[in-house]
Amino acid sequence: MNKETYALYKKYNLCPDCGNKSMKGNVFCFTCLSYRSEYDKERRDKGYIRPDRLDGRRKEYNHARYERLKALGMCPYCGQRKVTEGYSTCPVCRKKRTYYQRTRKVESRN
């Protein structure tokens, strides 16, 4: 499937795998999503590990990016806005992070 067809399916809320109506807030339908979930679980159980995560290159790249942006005075999370004095992130990312942590705390209490 090419990008244009995929975008068309997504625009009309159709599953790109089978063409059925997709689940709300998701690209795929329930059947295809559950199939993909089972497939991924089997791959993890068999010990499949992605090679790009074994050698640590991704971790090194992310660390270098974080340090570079921090040295420039830019937000290390979004890389788009200047940091606020006294903080290491921009106000937008800080607000998002605070909201995320509060919702996780509320969910864990239930």
C-alpha atoms as a PDB file:
ATOM      1  CA  MET A   1       0.000   0.000   0.000  1.00  0.00           C
ATOM      2  CA  ASN A   2       1.399   3.389  -0.930  1.00  0.00           C
ATOM      3  CA  LYS A   3       1.304   6.571   1.154  1.00  0.00           C
ATOM      4  CA  GLU A   4      -1.601   8.123  -0.773  1.00  0.00           C
ATOM      5  CA  THR A   5      -3.829   5.075  -0.347  1.00  0.00           C
ATOM      6  CA  TYR A   6      -2.930   4.809   3.328  1.00  0.00           C
ATOM      7  CA  ALA A   7      -3.763   8.494   3.862  1.00  0.00           C
ATOM      8  CA  LEU A   8      -7.090   8.039   2.068  1.00  0.00           C
ATOM      9  CA  TYR A   9      -8.039   5.075   4.258  1.00  0.00           C
ATOM     10  CA  LYS A  10      -7.018   7.013   7.352  1.00  0.00           C
ATOM     11  CA  LYS A  11      -8.997  10.087   6.269  1.00  0.00           C
ATOM     12  CA  TYR A  12     -12.217   8.079   5.943  1.00  0.00           C
ATOM     13  CA  ASN A  13     -11.612   6.064   9.159  1.00  0.00           C
ATOM     14  CA  LEU A  14     -11.065   2.771   7.360  1.00  0.00           C
ATOM     15  CA  CYS A  15      -8.611   0.080   8.398  1.00  0.00           C
ATOM     16  CA  PRO A  16      -5.704   0.065   5.905  1.00  0.00           C
ATOM     17  CA  ASP A  17      -5.280  -3.705   6.291  1.00  0.00           C
ATOM     18  CA  CYS A  18      -8.814  -4.958   5.646  1.00  0.00           C
ATOM     19  CA  GLY A  19     -10.906  -1.901   4.700  1.00  0.00           C
ATOM     20  CA  ASN A  20     -13.396  -2.225   7.578  1.00  0.00           C
ATOM     21  CA  LYS A  21     -14.321   0.705   9.805  1.00  0.00           C
ATOM     22  CA  SER A  22     -11.461   1.515  12.164  1.00  0.00           C
ATOM     23  CA  MET A  23     -11.760   1.845  15.926  1.00  0.00           C
ATOM     24  CA  LYS A  24     -12.285   5.314  17.347  1.00  0.00           C
ATOM     25  CA  GLY A  25      -8.931   6.973  18.011  1.00  0.00           C
ATOM     26  CA  ASN A  26      -7.053   4.279  16.126  1.00  0.00           C
ATOM     27  CA  VAL A  27      -5.975   3.593  12.553  1.00  0.00           C
ATOM     28  CA  PHE A  28      -6.822  -0.120  12.512  1.00  0.00           C
ATOM     29  CA  CYS A  29     -10.021  -2.070  13.198  1.00  0.00           C
ATOM     30  CA  PHE A  30     -10.356  -4.225  16.304  1.00  0.00           C
ATOM     31  CA  THR A  31      -9.608  -7.490  14.448  1.00  0.00           C
ATOM     32  CA  CYS A  32      -6.429  -6.247  12.778  1.00  0.00           C
ATOM     33  CA  LEU A  33      -5.289  -4.504  15.940  1.00  0.00           C
ATOM     34  CA  SER A  34      -5.704  -7.653  18.032  1.00  0.00           C
ATOM     35  CA  TYR A  35      -3.903  -9.684  15.351  1.00  0.00           C
ATOM     36  CA  ARG A  36      -1.000  -7.241  15.373  1.00  0.00           C
ATOM     37  CA  SER A  37      -0.907  -7.322  19.164  1.00  0.00           C
ATOM     38  CA  GLU A  38      -0.745 -11.124  19.229  1.00  0.00           C
ATOM     39  CA  TYR A  39       1.918 -11.130  16.518  1.00  0.00           C
ATOM     40  CA  ASP A  40       4.073  -8.669  18.448  1.00  0.00           C
ATOM     41  CA  LYS A  41       3.624 -10.656  21.668  1.00  0.00           C
ATOM     42  CA  GLU A  42       4.757 -13.854  19.940  1.00  0.00           C
ATOM     43  CA  ARG A  43       7.819 -12.080  18.575  1.00  0.00           C
ATOM     44  CA  ARG A  44       8.741 -10.785  22.031  1.00  0.00           C
ATOM     45  CA  ASP A  45       8.186 -14.219  23.595  1.00  0.00           C
ATOM     46  CA  LYS A  46      10.492 -15.819  21.030  1.00  0.00           C
ATOM     47  CA  GLY A  47      13.254 -13.472  22.124  1.00  0.00           C
ATOM     48  CA  TYR A  48      13.307 -11.245  19.072  1.00  0.00           C
ATOM     49  CA  ILE A  49      15.105  -7.997  19.890  1.00  0.00           C
ATOM     50  CA  ARG A  50      15.557  -5.246  17.347  1.00  0.00           C
ATOM     51  CA  PRO A  51      19.245  -5.029  16.399  1.00  0.00           C
ATOM     52  CA  ASP A  52      19.301  -1.226  16.418  1.00  0.00           C
ATOM     53  CA  ARG A  53      18.548  -1.289  20.135  1.00  0.00           C
ATOM     54  CA  LEU A  54      21.290  -3.762  20.975  1.00  0.00           C
ATOM     55  CA  ASP A  55      24.343  -1.699  20.168  1.00  0.00           C
ATOM     56  CA  GLY A  56      23.293   1.472  22.018  1.00  0.00           C
ATOM     57  CA  ARG A  57      23.588   3.834  19.047  1.00  0.00           C
ATOM     58  CA  ARG A  58      20.084   5.193  19.569  1.00  0.00           C
ATOM     59  CA  LYS A  59      20.790   5.914  23.235  1.00  0.00           C
ATOM     60  CA  GLU A  60      24.044   7.696  22.370  1.00  0.00           C
ATOM     61  CA  TYR A  61      22.333   9.773  19.682  1.00  0.00           C
ATOM     62  CA  ASN A  62      19.516  10.832  22.012  1.00  0.00           C
ATOM     63  CA  HIS A  63      21.954  11.745  24.779  1.00  0.00           C
ATOM     64  CA  ALA A  64      24.066  13.824  22.375  1.00  0.00           C
ATOM     65  CA  ARG A  65      20.940  15.582  21.065  1.00  0.00           C
ATOM     66  CA  TYR A  66      19.792  16.348  24.606  1.00  0.00           C
ATOM     67  CA  GLU A  67      23.173  17.831  25.563  1.00  0.00           C
ATOM     68  CA  ARG A  68      23.454  19.846  22.325  1.00  0.00           C
ATOM     69  CA  LEU A  69      20.003  21.423  22.712  1.00  0.00           C
ATOM     70  CA  LYS A  70      20.571  22.102  26.390  1.00  0.00           C
ATOM     71  CA  ALA A  71      23.854  23.895  25.571  1.00  0.00           C
ATOM     72  CA  LEU A  72      22.038  26.042  22.992  1.00  0.00           C
ATOM     73  CA  GLY A  73      19.391  27.029  25.554  1.00  0.00           C
ATOM     74  CA  MET A  74      16.654  25.172  23.670  1.00  0.00           C
ATOM     75  CA  CYS A  75      14.133  22.771  25.156  1.00  0.00           C
ATOM     76  CA  PRO A  76      15.657  19.269  24.970  1.00  0.00           C
ATOM     77  CA  TYR A  77      12.232  17.655  24.547  1.00  0.00           C
ATOM     78  CA  CYS A  78      10.723  19.579  21.640  1.00  0.00           C
ATOM     79  CA  GLY A  79      13.864  21.348  20.388  1.00  0.00           C
ATOM     80  CA  GLN A  80      11.755  24.281  19.198  1.00  0.00           C
ATOM     81  CA  ARG A  81      11.445  26.799  22.029  1.00  0.00           C
ATOM     82  CA  LYS A  82      13.811  28.530  24.414  1.00  0.00           C
ATOM     83  CA  VAL A  83      13.952  27.282  27.993  1.00  0.00           C
ATOM     84  CA  THR A  84      12.640  29.372  30.873  1.00  0.00           C
ATOM     85  CA  GLU A  85      15.276  30.670  33.259  1.00  0.00           C
ATOM     86  CA  GLY A  86      15.676  28.315  36.183  1.00  0.00           C
ATOM     87  CA  TYR A  87      14.200  25.353  34.270  1.00  0.00           C
ATOM     88  CA  SER A  88      15.615  22.927  31.741  1.00  0.00           C
ATOM     89  CA  THR A  89      12.449  22.806  29.583  1.00  0.00           C
ATOM     90  CA  CYS A  90      10.132  25.225  27.815  1.00  0.00           C
ATOM     91  CA  PRO A  91       6.767  26.169  29.406  1.00  0.00           C
ATOM     92  CA  VAL A  92       4.754  24.138  26.873  1.00  0.00           C
ATOM     93  CA  CYS A  93       6.662  20.879  27.449  1.00  0.00           C
ATOM     94  CA  ARG A  94       6.687  21.462  31.198  1.00  0.00           C
ATOM     95  CA  LYS A  95       2.906  21.884  31.212  1.00  0.00           C
ATOM     96  CA  LYS A  96       2.416  18.727  29.125  1.00  0.00           C
ATOM     97  CA  ARG A  97       4.732  16.747  31.386  1.00  0.00           C
ATOM     98  CA  THR A  98       2.966  17.972  34.543  1.00  0.00           C
ATOM     99  CA  TYR A  99      -0.436  17.018  33.095  1.00  0.00           C
ATOM    100  CA  TYR A 100       0.855  13.593  32.081  1.00  0.00           C
ATOM    101  CA  GLN A 101       2.329  12.891  35.519  1.00  0.00           C
ATOM    102  CA  ARG A 102      -0.830  14.020  37.315  1.00  0.00           C
ATOM    103  CA  THR A 103      -3.070  11.804  35.192  1.00  0.00           C
ATOM    104  CA  ARG A 104      -0.760   8.835  35.796  1.00  0.00           C
ATOM    105  CA  LYS A 105      -0.881   9.476  39.553  1.00  0.00           C
ATOM    106  CA  VAL A 106      -4.703   9.594  39.500  1.00  0.00           C
ATOM    107  CA  GLU A 107      -4.894   6.399  37.395  1.00  0.00           C
ATOM    108  CA  SER A 108      -2.557   4.539  39.736  1.00  0.00           C
ATOM    109  CA  ARG A 109      -4.755   5.364  42.746  1.00  0.00           C
ATOM    110  CA  ASN A 110      -7.804   3.722  41.136  1.00  0.00           C
END
